[in-house]
Amino acid sequence: MTMTETPTPTPVATTAETTALAPTADAPDPTFSGGSIELQGVRKTFGRNEVLNGVSFSVAAGEVVCVIGPSGSGKSTALRCINRLEEPTGGDIRLDGESTLSMSVDTLRQRVGMVFQQFNLFPHKTVVENMTLPLRKVAGLGKDEARTRAMAGLEQVGLAGKADYRPVRLSGGQQQRVAIARALAMQPEAMLFDEATSALDPELVKGVLRLMADLARRGMTMVVVTHEMGFARSVADRVIFMDRGVIVEQGRPEAIFDDPQSPRLQAFLAEVL
């Protein structure tokens, strides 16, 4: 996404998180028509440091894949390569069969949304202004259409009543839900989550995880880098374990967590579970 403004860090409010995300009584939650993602032998080097060494995996439309592993294993770099925040050194990445490397960056980031550890909200703008900025700058929507879509996104995450607040008045969990709504407002085919709860206080994590689980239930294609093993076990269709730039093991959550095969995954789980 190309923008001319640079957000500054926003203090996290200490207000209690509101976790009610119930659908409205007069309309069911909308479902998503997700797209497929495929990494084919993706490599990424920084100087002489090879961070990704031939990573290959696919995510079917509507599938949820969680990527776990120790810090420095290449998880976040793989995610950033999918959205071309980092350009792969080698290999290919395909979205619905089309190489993302041949797309414009703006087109790719409309089709694949990404949510980061930090919320990246502009502190001097209201919530709805943060929502409409990419809709107008990147998607090219008019002012009224952008606001209508932004408000619909805030409604999905239970924050329509906070539209005219500045981010400082929101809790960390609410700010992250705004960031998710901002990505959803672009109507993406897939969503990437890079440790979206790691910057939150523990009591605020549950609301964001509940929202992510709801997106999965409604059919959004998702690749989630996470340290939340309970979420990976209960929500993922498949779990990938990475270490030192390669995929060590992958499979159904019950296989990964209850019957790990590789000594490296066994040692990792012994530390985190």
C-alpha atoms as a PDB file:
ATOM      1  CA  MET A   1       0.000   0.000   0.000  1.00  0.00           C
ATOM      2  CA  THR A   2       1.468   3.331  -1.044  1.00  0.00           C
ATOM      3  CA  MET A   3       0.906   6.194   1.394  1.00  0.00           C
ATOM      4  CA  THR A   4       2.506   9.559   1.881  1.00  0.00           C
ATOM      5  CA  GLU A   5       2.060   9.738   5.657  1.00  0.00           C
ATOM      6  CA  THR A   6       4.078   7.896   8.267  1.00  0.00           C
ATOM      7  CA  PRO A   7       2.337   6.795  11.470  1.00  0.00           C
ATOM      8  CA  THR A   8       3.981   7.384  14.813  1.00  0.00           C
ATOM      9  CA  PRO A   9       3.762   5.016  17.774  1.00  0.00           C
ATOM     10  CA  THR A  10       0.499   5.351  19.675  1.00  0.00           C
ATOM     11  CA  PRO A  11       0.245   4.824  23.436  1.00  0.00           C
ATOM     12  CA  VAL A  12      -1.907   1.860  24.356  1.00  0.00           C
ATOM     13  CA  ALA A  13      -4.950   2.878  26.367  1.00  0.00           C
ATOM     14  CA  THR A  14      -5.579   1.066  29.598  1.00  0.00           C
ATOM     15  CA  THR A  15      -9.360   0.813  29.266  1.00  0.00           C
ATOM     16  CA  ALA A  16     -10.867  -2.670  29.504  1.00  0.00           C
ATOM     17  CA  GLU A  17     -11.266  -4.540  26.251  1.00  0.00           C
ATOM     18  CA  THR A  18     -14.756  -5.008  24.882  1.00  0.00           C
ATOM     19  CA  THR A  19     -14.956  -8.520  23.512  1.00  0.00           C
ATOM     20  CA  ALA A  20     -18.580  -8.743  22.389  1.00  0.00           C
ATOM     21  CA  LEU A  21     -18.534  -9.532  18.677  1.00  0.00           C
ATOM     22  CA  ALA A  22     -22.019 -10.903  18.231  1.00  0.00           C
ATOM     23  CA  PRO A  23     -23.637 -10.579  14.790  1.00  0.00           C
ATOM     24  CA  THR A  24     -26.454  -8.110  14.411  1.00  0.00           C
ATOM     25  CA  ALA A  25     -29.902  -9.494  14.985  1.00  0.00           C
ATOM     26  CA  ASP A  26     -31.258  -8.532  11.556  1.00  0.00           C
ATOM     27  CA  ALA A  27     -28.441  -9.831   9.336  1.00  0.00           C
ATOM     28  CA  PRO A  28     -26.087 -12.823   9.405  1.00  0.00           C
ATOM     29  CA  ASP A  29     -22.335 -12.319   9.238  1.00  0.00           C
ATOM     30  CA  PRO A  30     -21.152 -12.158   5.619  1.00  0.00           C
ATOM     31  CA  THR A  31     -19.043 -15.018   4.327  1.00  0.00           C
ATOM     32  CA  PHE A  32     -15.847 -14.657   2.323  1.00  0.00           C
ATOM     33  CA  SER A  33     -14.781 -16.058  -1.030  1.00  0.00           C
ATOM     34  CA  GLY A  34     -11.127 -16.661  -0.348  1.00  0.00           C
ATOM     35  CA  GLY A  35      -8.267 -17.108  -2.785  1.00  0.00           C
ATOM     36  CA  SER A  36      -5.483 -19.698  -2.779  1.00  0.00           C
ATOM     37  CA  ILE A  37      -1.826 -18.992  -2.015  1.00  0.00           C
ATOM     38  CA  GLU A  38       1.175 -21.054  -3.064  1.00  0.00           C
ATOM     39  CA  LEU A  39       4.848 -20.570  -2.230  1.00  0.00           C
ATOM     40  CA  GLN A  40       7.196 -22.336  -4.608  1.00  0.00           C
ATOM     41  CA  GLY A  41      10.813 -22.693  -3.481  1.00  0.00           C
ATOM     42  CA  VAL A  42      10.910 -19.212  -1.981  1.00  0.00           C
ATOM     43  CA  ARG A  43      14.330 -17.963  -0.955  1.00  0.00           C
ATOM     44  CA  LYS A  44      15.278 -14.748   0.788  1.00  0.00           C
ATOM     45  CA  THR A  45      18.750 -13.542   1.662  1.00  0.00           C
ATOM     46  CA  PHE A  46      19.953 -10.444   3.468  1.00  0.00           C
ATOM     47  CA  GLY A  47      23.551 -10.102   2.439  1.00  0.00           C
ATOM     48  CA  ARG A  48      25.104 -13.473   3.235  1.00  0.00           C
ATOM     49  CA  ASN A  49      22.338 -14.419   5.641  1.00  0.00           C
ATOM     50  CA  GLU A  50      19.866 -16.846   4.057  1.00  0.00           C
ATOM     51  CA  VAL A  51      16.608 -16.332   5.964  1.00  0.00           C
ATOM     52  CA  LEU A  52      14.433 -18.530   3.736  1.00  0.00           C
ATOM     53  CA  ASN A  53      15.883 -21.562   2.013  1.00  0.00           C
ATOM     54  CA  GLY A  54      13.489 -22.974  -0.564  1.00  0.00           C
ATOM     55  CA  VAL A  55      10.216 -22.650   1.362  1.00  0.00           C
ATOM     56  CA  SER A  56       7.240 -24.290  -0.362  1.00  0.00           C
ATOM     57  CA  PHE A  57       3.679 -24.645   0.889  1.00  0.00           C
ATOM     58  CA  SER A  58       0.170 -24.030  -0.358  1.00  0.00           C
ATOM     59  CA  VAL A  59      -2.966 -22.648   1.262  1.00  0.00           C
ATOM     60  CA  ALA A  60      -6.262 -23.632  -0.328  1.00  0.00           C
ATOM     61  CA  ALA A  61      -9.095 -21.130  -0.678  1.00  0.00           C
ATOM     62  CA  GLY A  62     -10.782 -20.787   2.702  1.00  0.00           C
ATOM     63  CA  GLU A  63      -8.028 -22.696   4.533  1.00  0.00           C
ATOM     64  CA  VAL A  64      -6.353 -21.465   7.722  1.00  0.00           C
ATOM     65  CA  VAL A  65      -2.644 -22.246   8.062  1.00  0.00           C
ATOM     66  CA  CYS A  66      -0.767 -21.319  11.232  1.00  0.00           C
ATOM     67  CA  VAL A  67       3.020 -21.003  11.092  1.00  0.00           C
ATOM     68  CA  ILE A  68       4.885 -21.608  14.341  1.00  0.00           C
ATOM     69  CA  GLY A  69       8.538 -21.767  15.284  1.00  0.00           C
ATOM     70  CA  PRO A  70      11.266 -20.053  17.289  1.00  0.00           C
ATOM     71  CA  SER A  71      12.243 -16.434  16.787  1.00  0.00           C
ATOM     72  CA  GLY A  72      14.459 -16.009  13.756  1.00  0.00           C
ATOM     73  CA  SER A  73      13.090 -19.088  11.986  1.00  0.00           C
ATOM     74  CA  GLY A  74      11.874 -17.116   8.943  1.00  0.00           C
ATOM     75  CA  LYS A  75       8.141 -17.139   9.748  1.00  0.00           C
ATOM     76  CA  SER A  76       7.547 -13.404   9.467  1.00  0.00           C
ATOM     77  CA  THR A  77       9.864 -13.086   6.468  1.00  0.00           C
ATOM     78  CA  ALA A  78       7.820 -15.690   4.607  1.00  0.00           C
ATOM     79  CA  LEU A  79       4.675 -13.719   5.366  1.00  0.00           C
ATOM     80  CA  ARG A  80       6.256 -10.454   4.269  1.00  0.00           C
ATOM     81  CA  CYS A  81       7.357 -12.066   1.010  1.00  0.00           C
ATOM     82  CA  ILE A  82       3.771 -13.086   0.271  1.00  0.00           C
ATOM     83  CA  ASN A  83       2.719  -9.427   0.459  1.00  0.00           C
ATOM     84  CA  ARG A  84       6.000  -8.220  -1.100  1.00  0.00           C
ATOM     85  CA  LEU A  85       7.016  -6.137   1.859  1.00  0.00           C
ATOM     86  CA  GLU A  86      10.166  -8.138   1.212  1.00  0.00           C
ATOM     87  CA  GLU A  87      11.017  -9.158  -2.342  1.00  0.00           C
ATOM     88  CA  PRO A  88      11.952 -12.848  -2.608  1.00  0.00           C
ATOM     89  CA  THR A  89      15.494 -13.575  -3.727  1.00  0.00           C
ATOM     90  CA  GLY A  90      14.281 -16.665  -5.569  1.00  0.00           C
ATOM     91  CA  GLY A  91      11.247 -18.846  -6.176  1.00  0.00           C
ATOM     92  CA  ASP A  92       7.689 -17.754  -6.869  1.00  0.00           C
ATOM     93  CA  ILE A  93       4.504 -16.942  -4.970  1.00  0.00           C
ATOM     94  CA  ARG A  94       1.100 -17.429  -6.579  1.00  0.00           C
ATOM     95  CA  LEU A  95      -2.306 -16.029  -5.714  1.00  0.00           C
ATOM     96  CA  ASP A  96      -5.083 -18.010  -7.379  1.00  0.00           C
ATOM     97  CA  GLY A  97      -2.474 -19.363  -9.779  1.00  0.00           C
ATOM     98  CA  GLU A  98      -1.128 -15.935 -10.777  1.00  0.00           C
ATOM     99  CA  SER A  99       2.418 -14.933  -9.855  1.00  0.00           C
ATOM    100  CA  THR A 100       2.369 -12.101  -7.353  1.00  0.00           C
ATOM    101  CA  LEU A 101       5.792 -11.026  -8.592  1.00  0.00           C
ATOM    102  CA  SER A 102       4.218  -9.790 -11.833  1.00  0.00           C
ATOM    103  CA  MET A 103       1.468  -7.786 -10.088  1.00  0.00           C
ATOM    104  CA  SER A 104       1.661  -4.178  -9.054  1.00  0.00           C
ATOM    105  CA  VAL A 105       2.216  -3.864  -5.317  1.00  0.00           C
ATOM    106  CA  ASP A 106      -0.999  -1.879  -4.837  1.00  0.00           C
ATOM    107  CA  THR A 107      -3.052  -4.546  -6.639  1.00  0.00           C
ATOM    108  CA  LEU A 108      -1.462  -7.303  -4.565  1.00  0.00           C
ATOM    109  CA  ARG A 109      -2.118  -5.515  -1.274  1.00  0.00           C
ATOM    110  CA  GLN A 110      -5.745  -4.958  -2.167  1.00  0.00           C
ATOM    111  CA  ARG A 111      -6.086  -8.693  -2.775  1.00  0.00           C
ATOM    112  CA  VAL A 112      -4.020  -9.819   0.231  1.00  0.00           C
ATOM    113  CA  GLY A 113      -4.492  -7.950   3.509  1.00  0.00           C
ATOM    114  CA  MET A 114      -1.937  -7.980   6.293  1.00  0.00           C
ATOM    115  CA  VAL A 115      -2.162  -7.282  10.018  1.00  0.00           C
ATOM    116  CA  PHE A 116       1.017  -6.608  11.984  1.00  0.00           C
ATOM    117  CA  GLN A 117       2.160  -6.791  15.599  1.00  0.00           C
ATOM    118  CA  GLN A 118       1.819  -3.018  15.865  1.00  0.00           C
ATOM    119  CA  PHE A 119      -1.454  -1.395  14.890  1.00  0.00           C
ATOM    120  CA  ASN A 120       0.020   1.234  12.526  1.00  0.00           C
ATOM    121  CA  LEU A 121      -2.850   3.668  13.038  1.00  0.00           C
ATOM    122  CA  PHE A 122      -2.293   7.372  12.426  1.00  0.00           C
ATOM    123  CA  PRO A 123      -2.713   8.969  15.866  1.00  0.00           C
ATOM    124  CA  HIS A 124      -3.848  12.352  14.495  1.00  0.00           C
ATOM    125  CA  LYS A 125      -6.718  10.801  12.512  1.00  0.00           C
ATOM    126  CA  THR A 126      -9.970   9.328  13.761  1.00  0.00           C
ATOM    127  CA  VAL A 127     -10.724   5.630  13.476  1.00  0.00           C
ATOM    128  CA  VAL A 128     -12.904   6.107  10.400  1.00  0.00           C
ATOM    129  CA  GLU A 129     -10.280   8.372   8.796  1.00  0.00           C
ATOM    130  CA  ASN A 130      -7.694   5.625   9.336  1.00  0.00           C
ATOM    131  CA  MET A 131     -10.120   3.255   7.630  1.00  0.00           C
ATOM    132  CA  THR A 132     -10.920   5.452   4.626  1.00  0.00           C
ATOM    133  CA  LEU A 133      -7.359   6.546   3.844  1.00  0.00           C
ATOM    134  CA  PRO A 134      -6.278   3.340   2.047  1.00  0.00           C
ATOM    135  CA  LEU A 135      -9.715   2.985   0.464  1.00  0.00           C
ATOM    136  CA  ARG A 136      -9.321   6.389  -1.164  1.00  0.00           C
ATOM    137  CA  LYS A 137      -5.559   6.396  -1.821  1.00  0.00           C
ATOM    138  CA  VAL A 138      -5.146   2.797  -2.988  1.00  0.00           C
ATOM    139  CA  ALA A 139      -8.580   1.501  -3.989  1.00  0.00           C
ATOM    140  CA  GLY A 140      -9.571   4.833  -5.530  1.00  0.00           C
ATOM    141  CA  LEU A 141     -12.993   5.060  -3.881  1.00  0.00           C
ATOM    142  CA  GLY A 142     -14.875   8.310  -3.508  1.00  0.00           C
ATOM    143  CA  LYS A 143     -15.337   9.890  -0.087  1.00  0.00           C
ATOM    144  CA  ASP A 144     -18.889   8.643   0.513  1.00  0.00           C
ATOM    145  CA  GLU A 145     -18.274   5.112  -0.761  1.00  0.00           C
ATOM    146  CA  ALA A 146     -15.081   4.834   1.292  1.00  0.00           C
ATOM    147  CA  ARG A 147     -16.891   5.904   4.462  1.00  0.00           C
ATOM    148  CA  THR A 148     -19.751   3.474   3.817  1.00  0.00           C
ATOM    149  CA  ARG A 149     -17.336   0.583   3.381  1.00  0.00           C
ATOM    150  CA  ALA A 150     -15.284   1.680   6.395  1.00  0.00           C
ATOM    151  CA  MET A 151     -18.345   1.794   8.626  1.00  0.00           C
ATOM    152  CA  ALA A 152     -19.379  -1.662   7.426  1.00  0.00           C
ATOM    153  CA  GLY A 153     -15.924  -2.948   8.373  1.00  0.00           C
ATOM    154  CA  LEU A 154     -16.125  -1.382  11.830  1.00  0.00           C
ATOM    155  CA  GLU A 155     -19.562  -2.936  12.283  1.00  0.00           C
ATOM    156  CA  GLN A 156     -18.051  -6.362  11.585  1.00  0.00           C
ATOM    157  CA  VAL A 157     -15.570  -5.970  14.428  1.00  0.00           C
ATOM    158  CA  GLY A 158     -17.998  -4.395  16.865  1.00  0.00           C
ATOM    159  CA  LEU A 159     -16.485  -0.906  16.815  1.00  0.00           C
ATOM    160  CA  ALA A 160     -18.872   1.207  14.733  1.00  0.00           C
ATOM    161  CA  GLY A 161     -19.548   3.296  17.837  1.00  0.00           C
ATOM    162  CA  LYS A 162     -15.860   4.265  17.993  1.00  0.00           C
ATOM    163  CA  ALA A 163     -15.662   5.618  14.425  1.00  0.00           C
ATOM    164  CA  ASP A 164     -14.987   9.225  15.442  1.00  0.00           C
ATOM    165  CA  TYR A 165     -12.545   8.404  18.259  1.00  0.00           C
ATOM    166  CA  ARG A 166      -8.823   8.913  17.893  1.00  0.00           C
ATOM    167  CA  PRO A 167      -6.725   5.751  18.439  1.00  0.00           C
ATOM    168  CA  VAL A 168      -5.391   6.945  21.811  1.00  0.00           C
ATOM    169  CA  ARG A 169      -8.899   6.567  23.250  1.00  0.00           C
ATOM    170  CA  LEU A 170      -9.017   2.879  22.333  1.00  0.00           C
ATOM    171  CA  SER A 171      -7.494  -0.071  24.147  1.00  0.00           C
ATOM    172  CA  GLY A 172      -4.747  -2.035  22.432  1.00  0.00           C
ATOM    173  CA  GLY A 173      -7.168  -4.808  21.544  1.00  0.00           C
ATOM    174  CA  GLN A 174      -9.619  -2.332  20.035  1.00  0.00           C
ATOM    175  CA  GLN A 175      -6.832  -0.716  17.996  1.00  0.00           C
ATOM    176  CA  GLN A 176      -5.845  -4.115  16.635  1.00  0.00           C
ATOM    177  CA  ARG A 177      -9.457  -4.832  15.710  1.00  0.00           C
ATOM    178  CA  VAL A 178      -9.520  -1.508  13.817  1.00  0.00           C
ATOM    179  CA  ALA A 179      -6.371  -2.626  11.976  1.00  0.00           C
ATOM    180  CA  ILE A 180      -8.110  -5.888  11.047  1.00  0.00           C
ATOM    181  CA  ALA A 181     -11.224  -4.001   9.919  1.00  0.00           C
ATOM    182  CA  ARG A 182      -9.052  -1.689   7.811  1.00  0.00           C
ATOM    183  CA  ALA A 183      -7.577  -4.680   6.007  1.00  0.00           C
ATOM    184  CA  LEU A 184     -11.000  -6.305   5.576  1.00  0.00           C
ATOM    185  CA  ALA A 185     -12.441  -3.105   4.109  1.00  0.00           C
ATOM    186  CA  MET A 186     -10.209  -3.618   1.068  1.00  0.00           C
ATOM    187  CA  GLN A 187     -12.228  -6.814   0.447  1.00  0.00           C
ATOM    188  CA  PRO A 188      -9.131  -9.059   0.221  1.00  0.00           C
ATOM    189  CA  GLU A 189      -9.039 -12.639  -1.009  1.00  0.00           C
ATOM    190  CA  ALA A 190      -6.674 -13.634   1.809  1.00  0.00           C
ATOM    191  CA  MET A 191      -5.412 -12.284   5.113  1.00  0.00           C
ATOM    192  CA  LEU A 192      -1.948 -12.509   6.659  1.00  0.00           C
ATOM    193  CA  PHE A 193      -1.469 -12.096  10.410  1.00  0.00           C
ATOM    194  CA  ASP A 194       2.037 -11.509  11.757  1.00  0.00           C
ATOM    195  CA  GLU A 195       1.828 -12.252  15.496  1.00  0.00           C
ATOM    196  CA  ALA A 196      -1.172  -9.938  15.716  1.00  0.00           C
ATOM    197  CA  THR A 197      -1.579 -10.383  19.488  1.00  0.00           C
ATOM    198  CA  SER A 198       2.041 -10.225  20.623  1.00  0.00           C
ATOM    199  CA  ALA A 199       1.935  -6.492  21.443  1.00  0.00           C
ATOM    200  CA  LEU A 200      -1.257  -6.789  23.514  1.00  0.00           C
ATOM    201  CA  ASP A 201      -1.667  -7.131  27.247  1.00  0.00           C
ATOM    202  CA  PRO A 202      -2.737 -10.705  28.084  1.00  0.00           C
ATOM    203  CA  GLU A 203      -6.277  -9.710  29.038  1.00  0.00           C
ATOM    204  CA  LEU A 204      -6.818  -8.118  25.601  1.00  0.00           C
ATOM    205  CA  VAL A 205      -5.662 -11.094  23.530  1.00  0.00           C
ATOM    206  CA  LYS A 206      -8.864 -13.121  23.710  1.00  0.00           C
ATOM    207  CA  GLY A 207     -11.035 -10.584  21.870  1.00  0.00           C
ATOM    208  CA  VAL A 208      -8.645 -10.378  18.911  1.00  0.00           C
ATOM    209  CA  LEU A 209      -8.261 -14.159  18.726  1.00  0.00           C
ATOM    210  CA  ARG A 210     -12.039 -14.522  18.805  1.00  0.00           C
ATOM    211  CA  LEU A 211     -12.328 -12.140  15.854  1.00  0.00           C
ATOM    212  CA  MET A 212      -9.670 -14.062  13.907  1.00  0.00           C
ATOM    213  CA  ALA A 213     -11.455 -17.339  14.629  1.00  0.00           C
ATOM    214  CA  ASP A 214     -14.685 -15.786  13.370  1.00  0.00           C
ATOM    215  CA  LEU A 215     -13.005 -14.789  10.099  1.00  0.00           C
ATOM    216  CA  ALA A 216     -11.818 -18.372   9.706  1.00  0.00           C
ATOM    217  CA  ARG A 217     -15.317 -19.691  10.334  1.00  0.00           C
ATOM    218  CA  ARG A 218     -16.662 -17.422   7.606  1.00  0.00           C
ATOM    219  CA  GLY A 219     -14.236 -18.757   4.998  1.00  0.00           C
ATOM    220  CA  MET A 220     -11.372 -16.265   4.867  1.00  0.00           C
ATOM    221  CA  THR A 221      -8.096 -17.698   3.566  1.00  0.00           C
ATOM    222  CA  MET A 222      -5.604 -17.006   6.342  1.00  0.00           C
ATOM    223  CA  VAL A 223      -1.889 -17.467   6.994  1.00  0.00           C
ATOM    224  CA  VAL A 224      -1.201 -16.773  10.660  1.00  0.00           C
ATOM    225  CA  VAL A 225       2.236 -16.493  12.236  1.00  0.00           C
ATOM    226  CA  THR A 226       1.576 -16.988  15.926  1.00  0.00           C
ATOM    227  CA  HIS A 227       2.908 -17.959  19.331  1.00  0.00           C
ATOM    228  CA  GLU A 228      -0.652 -18.702  20.479  1.00  0.00           C
ATOM    229  CA  MET A 229      -0.533 -22.499  20.421  1.00  0.00           C
ATOM    230  CA  GLY A 230      -4.103 -22.864  21.668  1.00  0.00           C
ATOM    231  CA  PHE A 231      -5.357 -20.799  18.748  1.00  0.00           C
ATOM    232  CA  ALA A 232      -3.294 -22.837  16.278  1.00  0.00           C
ATOM    233  CA  ARG A 233      -4.620 -26.077  17.714  1.00  0.00           C
ATOM    234  CA  SER A 234      -8.283 -25.064  17.703  1.00  0.00           C
ATOM    235  CA  VAL A 235      -8.601 -22.898  14.573  1.00  0.00           C
ATOM    236  CA  ALA A 236      -5.959 -23.996  12.040  1.00  0.00           C
ATOM    237  CA  ASP A 237      -6.661 -26.527   9.323  1.00  0.00           C
ATOM    238  CA  ARG A 238      -2.916 -27.105   9.117  1.00  0.00           C
ATOM    239  CA  VAL A 239       0.129 -26.097  11.164  1.00  0.00           C
ATOM    240  CA  ILE A 240       3.602 -25.489   9.729  1.00  0.00           C
ATOM    241  CA  PHE A 241       6.677 -25.596  11.955  1.00  0.00           C
ATOM    242  CA  MET A 242       9.665 -23.614  10.664  1.00  0.00           C
ATOM    243  CA  ASP A 243      13.234 -23.444  11.910  1.00  0.00           C
ATOM    244  CA  ARG A 244      16.336 -21.858  10.385  1.00  0.00           C
ATOM    245  CA  GLY A 245      14.595 -20.856   7.182  1.00  0.00           C
ATOM    246  CA  VAL A 246      13.047 -24.204   6.265  1.00  0.00           C
ATOM    247  CA  ILE A 247       9.844 -26.100   6.951  1.00  0.00           C
ATOM    248  CA  VAL A 248      10.712 -28.869   9.381  1.00  0.00           C
ATOM    249  CA  GLU A 249       7.274 -30.416   9.755  1.00  0.00           C
ATOM    250  CA  GLN A 250       3.664 -29.699   8.822  1.00  0.00           C
ATOM    251  CA  GLY A 251       0.331 -31.403   9.302  1.00  0.00           C
ATOM    252  CA  ARG A 252      -3.024 -31.317  11.016  1.00  0.00           C
ATOM    253  CA  PRO A 253      -2.956 -29.603  14.433  1.00  0.00           C
ATOM    254  CA  GLU A 254      -3.538 -32.853  16.298  1.00  0.00           C
ATOM    255  CA  ALA A 255      -0.574 -34.449  14.528  1.00  0.00           C
ATOM    256  CA  ILE A 256       1.739 -31.503  15.147  1.00  0.00           C
ATOM    257  CA  PHE A 257       0.857 -31.006  18.808  1.00  0.00           C
ATOM    258  CA  ASP A 258       0.074 -34.553  19.930  1.00  0.00           C
ATOM    259  CA  ASP A 259       2.446 -36.642  17.793  1.00  0.00           C
ATOM    260  CA  PRO A 260       5.405 -34.513  16.618  1.00  0.00           C
ATOM    261  CA  GLN A 261       7.870 -36.503  14.550  1.00  0.00           C
ATOM    262  CA  SER A 262      11.012 -34.379  14.342  1.00  0.00           C
ATOM    263  CA  PRO A 263      13.287 -33.947  17.378  1.00  0.00           C
ATOM    264  CA  ARG A 264      13.417 -30.204  16.702  1.00  0.00           C
ATOM    265  CA  LEU A 265       9.628 -29.815  16.875  1.00  0.00           C
ATOM    266  CA  GLN A 266       9.515 -32.031  19.959  1.00  0.00           C
ATOM    267  CA  ALA A 267      12.057 -29.788  21.686  1.00  0.00           C
ATOM    268  CA  PHE A 268      10.218 -26.621  20.639  1.00  0.00           C
ATOM    269  CA  LEU A 269       6.868 -27.834  21.945  1.00  0.00           C
ATOM    270  CA  ALA A 270       8.462 -28.957  25.216  1.00  0.00           C
ATOM    271  CA  GLU A 271       9.471 -25.324  25.771  1.00  0.00           C
ATOM    272  CA  VAL A 272       6.244 -23.580  24.745  1.00  0.00           C
ATOM    273  CA  LEU A 273       3.473 -25.905  25.921  1.00  0.00           C
END
